[in-house]
Amino acid sequence: MTTESAQPTEEEASESPAGVYYENCDAARAAGAAPLLRGEPGYRDELDGEGDGIACEPVP
């Protein structure tokens, strides 16, 4: 299981409000933060596979 222990680059940290960073959607889900909406802490385009403003959507 992956956690949010990886340190973001300066660019990645600046893309997310409040400096919240999740390495991947598994980390966001484990933290109870998913789904992430554009503008929320932790959201970044790399986590939004569909480009619809909702990252780490629930897995069916």
N, C-alpha and C. Protein backbone atom coordinates (compact mmCIF):
# COMPACT_ATOMS: atom_id res chain seq x y z
N MET A 1 0.85 -1.18 0.00
CA MET A 1 0.00 0.00 0.00
C MET A 1 0.89 1.23 0.00
N THR A 2 0.56 2.20 -0.82
CA THR A 2 1.34 3.41 -0.93
C THR A 2 0.75 4.47 -0.01
N THR A 3 1.62 5.21 0.63
CA THR A 3 1.16 6.29 1.50
C THR A 3 1.58 7.62 0.93
N GLU A 4 1.25 8.68 1.61
CA GLU A 4 1.61 10.00 1.13
C GLU A 4 2.97 10.44 1.67
N SER A 5 3.89 9.52 1.89
CA SER A 5 5.18 9.84 2.45
C SER A 5 6.15 10.45 1.45
N ALA A 6 5.94 10.23 0.17
CA ALA A 6 6.83 10.81 -0.83
C ALA A 6 6.71 12.32 -0.81
N GLN A 7 7.83 12.98 -0.93
CA GLN A 7 7.84 14.44 -0.90
C GLN A 7 7.57 14.99 -2.30
N PRO A 8 6.66 15.94 -2.41
CA PRO A 8 6.38 16.53 -3.73
C PRO A 8 7.49 17.48 -4.14
N THR A 9 7.61 17.71 -5.43
CA THR A 9 8.51 18.74 -5.91
C THR A 9 7.90 20.08 -5.57
N GLU A 10 8.69 21.14 -5.68
CA GLU A 10 8.14 22.48 -5.41
C GLU A 10 6.97 22.77 -6.32
N GLU A 11 7.08 22.37 -7.60
CA GLU A 11 6.01 22.62 -8.56
C GLU A 11 4.74 21.89 -8.16
N GLU A 12 4.84 20.62 -7.77
CA GLU A 12 3.67 19.85 -7.38
C GLU A 12 3.01 20.44 -6.14
N ALA A 13 3.80 20.82 -5.17
CA ALA A 13 3.25 21.39 -3.94
C ALA A 13 2.56 22.72 -4.22
N SER A 14 3.09 23.50 -5.17
CA SER A 14 2.47 24.79 -5.46
C SER A 14 1.18 24.64 -6.25
N GLU A 15 0.99 23.51 -6.94
CA GLU A 15 -0.23 23.29 -7.71
C GLU A 15 -1.42 23.00 -6.81
N SER A 16 -1.19 22.50 -5.63
CA SER A 16 -2.24 22.08 -4.73
C SER A 16 -2.41 23.09 -3.61
N PRO A 17 -3.65 23.54 -3.36
CA PRO A 17 -3.88 24.48 -2.27
C PRO A 17 -3.39 23.90 -0.94
N ALA A 18 -2.86 24.75 -0.10
CA ALA A 18 -2.43 24.41 1.25
C ALA A 18 -1.29 23.39 1.27
N GLY A 19 -0.65 23.12 0.12
CA GLY A 19 0.49 22.22 0.09
C GLY A 19 0.16 20.76 0.35
N VAL A 20 -1.11 20.37 0.28
CA VAL A 20 -1.49 18.97 0.48
C VAL A 20 -1.09 18.20 -0.78
N TYR A 21 -0.45 17.05 -0.58
CA TYR A 21 0.02 16.27 -1.72
C TYR A 21 -0.25 14.79 -1.49
N TYR A 22 -0.87 14.15 -2.46
CA TYR A 22 -1.06 12.70 -2.45
C TYR A 22 -0.28 12.14 -3.61
N GLU A 23 0.55 11.16 -3.35
CA GLU A 23 1.38 10.55 -4.38
C GLU A 23 0.52 9.96 -5.49
N ASN A 24 -0.62 9.38 -5.10
CA ASN A 24 -1.51 8.76 -6.07
C ASN A 24 -2.91 8.65 -5.45
N CYS A 25 -3.84 8.11 -6.21
CA CYS A 25 -5.22 8.01 -5.72
C CYS A 25 -5.35 7.03 -4.56
N ASP A 26 -4.54 5.99 -4.54
CA ASP A 26 -4.58 5.07 -3.40
C ASP A 26 -4.26 5.82 -2.10
N ALA A 27 -3.29 6.71 -2.16
CA ALA A 27 -2.92 7.50 -0.98
C ALA A 27 -4.05 8.45 -0.59
N ALA A 28 -4.69 9.07 -1.57
CA ALA A 28 -5.81 9.98 -1.28
C ALA A 28 -6.97 9.21 -0.66
N ARG A 29 -7.26 8.03 -1.20
CA ARG A 29 -8.34 7.21 -0.66
C ARG A 29 -8.01 6.75 0.77
N ALA A 30 -6.77 6.33 1.00
CA ALA A 30 -6.36 5.86 2.32
C ALA A 30 -6.47 6.97 3.37
N ALA A 31 -6.29 8.21 2.93
CA ALA A 31 -6.40 9.36 3.83
C ALA A 31 -7.85 9.81 3.99
N GLY A 32 -8.76 9.19 3.24
CA GLY A 32 -10.17 9.56 3.31
C GLY A 32 -10.48 10.86 2.58
N ALA A 33 -9.61 11.25 1.66
CA ALA A 33 -9.78 12.53 0.96
C ALA A 33 -10.44 12.41 -0.41
N ALA A 34 -10.54 11.21 -0.94
CA ALA A 34 -11.08 11.02 -2.30
C ALA A 34 -12.60 10.92 -2.26
N PRO A 35 -13.27 11.39 -3.31
CA PRO A 35 -12.71 12.03 -4.49
C PRO A 35 -12.28 13.47 -4.20
N LEU A 36 -11.37 13.95 -5.01
CA LEU A 36 -10.86 15.31 -4.89
C LEU A 36 -11.44 16.15 -6.03
N LEU A 37 -11.97 17.29 -5.70
CA LEU A 37 -12.51 18.19 -6.72
C LEU A 37 -11.50 19.28 -7.02
N ARG A 38 -11.49 19.74 -8.28
CA ARG A 38 -10.58 20.81 -8.67
C ARG A 38 -10.73 21.98 -7.69
N GLY A 39 -9.61 22.46 -7.18
CA GLY A 39 -9.61 23.58 -6.24
C GLY A 39 -9.49 23.12 -4.79
N GLU A 40 -9.73 21.84 -4.53
CA GLU A 40 -9.60 21.32 -3.17
C GLU A 40 -8.15 20.96 -2.88
N PRO A 41 -7.76 21.01 -1.60
CA PRO A 41 -6.40 20.60 -1.25
C PRO A 41 -6.13 19.16 -1.71
N GLY A 42 -4.99 18.97 -2.34
CA GLY A 42 -4.59 17.65 -2.81
C GLY A 42 -4.92 17.37 -4.26
N TYR A 43 -5.84 18.13 -4.85
CA TYR A 43 -6.20 17.90 -6.25
C TYR A 43 -5.04 18.34 -7.14
N ARG A 44 -4.77 17.54 -8.17
CA ARG A 44 -3.86 17.94 -9.23
C ARG A 44 -4.27 17.21 -10.50
N ASP A 45 -3.95 17.81 -11.62
CA ASP A 45 -4.38 17.27 -12.91
C ASP A 45 -3.93 15.83 -13.14
N GLU A 46 -2.76 15.45 -12.63
CA GLU A 46 -2.24 14.11 -12.84
C GLU A 46 -3.12 13.04 -12.21
N LEU A 47 -3.91 13.40 -11.21
CA LEU A 47 -4.81 12.44 -10.56
C LEU A 47 -6.18 12.40 -11.22
N ASP A 48 -6.44 13.31 -12.13
CA ASP A 48 -7.74 13.43 -12.79
C ASP A 48 -7.64 12.83 -14.20
N GLY A 49 -7.80 11.53 -14.30
CA GLY A 49 -7.63 10.82 -15.56
C GLY A 49 -8.59 11.24 -16.65
N GLU A 50 -9.79 11.66 -16.29
CA GLU A 50 -10.79 12.04 -17.28
C GLU A 50 -10.76 13.53 -17.61
N GLY A 51 -10.05 14.30 -16.80
CA GLY A 51 -9.98 15.73 -17.02
C GLY A 51 -11.28 16.45 -16.75
N ASP A 52 -12.12 15.86 -15.88
CA ASP A 52 -13.44 16.44 -15.61
C ASP A 52 -13.50 17.24 -14.31
N GLY A 53 -12.35 17.44 -13.67
CA GLY A 53 -12.33 18.21 -12.44
C GLY A 53 -12.57 17.37 -11.19
N ILE A 54 -12.68 16.06 -11.37
CA ILE A 54 -12.87 15.15 -10.24
C ILE A 54 -11.74 14.12 -10.29
N ALA A 55 -10.85 14.17 -9.31
CA ALA A 55 -9.73 13.24 -9.26
C ALA A 55 -10.04 12.13 -8.27
N CYS A 56 -9.49 10.97 -8.54
CA CYS A 56 -9.60 9.81 -7.63
C CYS A 56 -11.04 9.44 -7.37
N GLU A 57 -11.79 9.32 -8.43
CA GLU A 57 -13.19 8.93 -8.32
C GLU A 57 -13.30 7.52 -7.76
N PRO A 58 -14.41 7.20 -7.12
CA PRO A 58 -14.59 5.86 -6.56
C PRO A 58 -14.44 4.77 -7.62
N VAL A 59 -13.83 3.68 -7.22
CA VAL A 59 -13.65 2.54 -8.12
C VAL A 59 -14.90 1.66 -7.99
N PRO A 60 -15.53 1.36 -9.13
CA PRO A 60 -16.77 0.56 -9.07
C PRO A 60 -16.51 -0.87 -8.59
